[in-house]
Amino acid sequence: MFNMDFSQRVVIRSAELDWVKSPAGGVLRKPLEREEAERGRATSIVP
């Protein structure tokens, strides 16, 4: 779990993040927040 405390401001420098493979084949993403690994709420940047 990361970046799930919405009572605090968080700055994510997405340009500095590496692209990671998604479970969906051929999809890359930059995860910004996730409730649980591959389950629950998640926010990512996808190209």
N, C-alpha and C. Protein backbone atom coordinates (compact mmCIF):
# COMPACT_ATOMS: atom_id res chain seq x y z
N MET A 1 0.85 -1.18 0.00
CA MET A 1 0.00 0.00 0.00
C MET A 1 0.89 1.23 0.00
N PHE A 2 0.61 2.18 -0.88
CA PHE A 2 1.37 3.42 -0.84
C PHE A 2 0.52 4.58 -1.33
N ASN A 3 0.80 5.75 -0.78
CA ASN A 3 0.11 7.00 -1.12
C ASN A 3 -1.40 6.92 -0.89
N MET A 4 -1.84 6.27 0.16
CA MET A 4 -3.28 6.14 0.42
C MET A 4 -3.78 7.07 1.52
N ASP A 5 -2.91 7.88 2.11
CA ASP A 5 -3.34 8.82 3.14
C ASP A 5 -3.74 10.12 2.46
N PHE A 6 -5.03 10.26 2.15
CA PHE A 6 -5.52 11.41 1.39
C PHE A 6 -5.68 12.66 2.25
N SER A 7 -5.34 12.57 3.54
CA SER A 7 -5.39 13.75 4.39
C SER A 7 -4.09 14.56 4.28
N GLN A 8 -3.10 14.01 3.57
CA GLN A 8 -1.82 14.69 3.41
C GLN A 8 -1.54 14.92 1.93
N ARG A 9 -0.93 16.05 1.63
CA ARG A 9 -0.54 16.36 0.26
C ARG A 9 0.67 15.51 -0.11
N VAL A 10 0.64 14.95 -1.29
CA VAL A 10 1.75 14.13 -1.79
C VAL A 10 2.12 14.63 -3.17
N VAL A 11 3.39 14.84 -3.41
CA VAL A 11 3.88 15.24 -4.73
C VAL A 11 4.63 14.04 -5.31
N ILE A 12 4.22 13.60 -6.48
CA ILE A 12 4.88 12.49 -7.15
C ILE A 12 5.50 13.02 -8.43
N ARG A 13 6.78 12.89 -8.55
CA ARG A 13 7.48 13.33 -9.76
C ARG A 13 7.46 12.17 -10.76
N SER A 14 6.36 12.09 -11.49
CA SER A 14 6.14 10.95 -12.37
C SER A 14 7.20 10.83 -13.46
N ALA A 15 7.82 11.92 -13.86
CA ALA A 15 8.87 11.86 -14.87
C ALA A 15 10.08 11.08 -14.36
N GLU A 16 10.22 10.99 -13.05
CA GLU A 16 11.35 10.27 -12.45
C GLU A 16 11.04 8.79 -12.19
N LEU A 17 9.79 8.38 -12.37
CA LEU A 17 9.40 6.99 -12.14
C LEU A 17 9.69 6.14 -13.37
N ASP A 18 10.05 4.89 -13.13
CA ASP A 18 10.23 3.94 -14.23
C ASP A 18 8.88 3.37 -14.63
N TRP A 19 8.75 3.03 -15.91
CA TRP A 19 7.57 2.31 -16.38
C TRP A 19 7.67 0.87 -15.91
N VAL A 20 6.58 0.30 -15.43
CA VAL A 20 6.56 -1.10 -14.98
C VAL A 20 5.47 -1.85 -15.75
N LYS A 21 5.67 -3.14 -15.90
CA LYS A 21 4.70 -3.96 -16.62
C LYS A 21 3.44 -4.14 -15.79
N SER A 22 2.32 -4.08 -16.46
CA SER A 22 1.02 -4.34 -15.85
C SER A 22 0.68 -5.82 -16.03
N PRO A 23 -0.20 -6.37 -15.19
CA PRO A 23 -0.65 -7.75 -15.40
C PRO A 23 -1.34 -7.92 -16.76
N ALA A 24 -1.91 -6.82 -17.29
CA ALA A 24 -2.51 -6.87 -18.62
C ALA A 24 -1.37 -6.85 -19.64
N GLY A 25 -1.27 -7.86 -20.45
CA GLY A 25 -0.16 -7.99 -21.38
C GLY A 25 0.05 -6.78 -22.27
N GLY A 26 1.31 -6.36 -22.40
CA GLY A 26 1.66 -5.26 -23.28
C GLY A 26 1.35 -3.88 -22.76
N VAL A 27 0.95 -3.76 -21.49
CA VAL A 27 0.61 -2.46 -20.91
C VAL A 27 1.68 -2.06 -19.90
N LEU A 28 2.21 -0.85 -20.06
CA LEU A 28 3.15 -0.30 -19.09
C LEU A 28 2.43 0.76 -18.27
N ARG A 29 2.91 0.99 -17.06
CA ARG A 29 2.27 1.98 -16.19
C ARG A 29 3.26 2.54 -15.20
N LYS A 30 2.88 3.69 -14.62
CA LYS A 30 3.60 4.30 -13.51
C LYS A 30 2.60 4.38 -12.37
N PRO A 31 2.68 3.48 -11.40
CA PRO A 31 1.71 3.48 -10.30
C PRO A 31 1.88 4.71 -9.41
N LEU A 32 0.76 5.35 -9.05
CA LEU A 32 0.76 6.52 -8.19
C LEU A 32 0.23 6.20 -6.80
N GLU A 33 -0.79 5.37 -6.72
CA GLU A 33 -1.32 4.91 -5.43
C GLU A 33 -1.95 3.55 -5.63
N ARG A 34 -1.89 2.74 -4.58
CA ARG A 34 -2.47 1.40 -4.68
C ARG A 34 -2.88 0.94 -3.28
N GLU A 35 -4.08 0.42 -3.20
CA GLU A 35 -4.61 -0.07 -1.93
C GLU A 35 -3.97 -1.41 -1.55
N GLU A 36 -3.95 -2.34 -2.48
CA GLU A 36 -3.34 -3.65 -2.27
C GLU A 36 -2.71 -4.09 -3.59
N ALA A 37 -1.76 -4.99 -3.52
CA ALA A 37 -1.10 -5.45 -4.74
C ALA A 37 -2.11 -6.07 -5.69
N GLU A 38 -2.30 -5.42 -6.83
CA GLU A 38 -3.18 -5.89 -7.91
C GLU A 38 -4.63 -6.12 -7.48
N ARG A 39 -5.05 -5.48 -6.40
CA ARG A 39 -6.45 -5.56 -5.94
C ARG A 39 -6.86 -4.22 -5.39
N GLY A 40 -8.13 -3.99 -5.35
CA GLY A 40 -8.64 -2.76 -4.75
C GLY A 40 -8.33 -1.53 -5.57
N ARG A 41 -8.40 -0.40 -4.93
CA ARG A 41 -8.22 0.90 -5.57
C ARG A 41 -6.78 1.07 -6.03
N ALA A 42 -6.62 1.62 -7.23
CA ALA A 42 -5.28 1.91 -7.77
C ALA A 42 -5.38 3.05 -8.77
N THR A 43 -4.34 3.89 -8.81
CA THR A 43 -4.24 4.95 -9.78
C THR A 43 -2.87 4.85 -10.43
N SER A 44 -2.84 4.85 -11.75
CA SER A 44 -1.59 4.74 -12.50
C SER A 44 -1.65 5.65 -13.72
N ILE A 45 -0.46 6.03 -14.21
CA ILE A 45 -0.35 6.70 -15.50
C ILE A 45 -0.03 5.62 -16.52
N VAL A 46 -0.72 5.64 -17.64
CA VAL A 46 -0.43 4.70 -18.73
C VAL A 46 -0.18 5.51 -19.99
N PRO A 47 0.78 5.05 -20.85
CA PRO A 47 1.07 5.82 -22.07
C PRO A 47 -0.04 5.65 -23.11
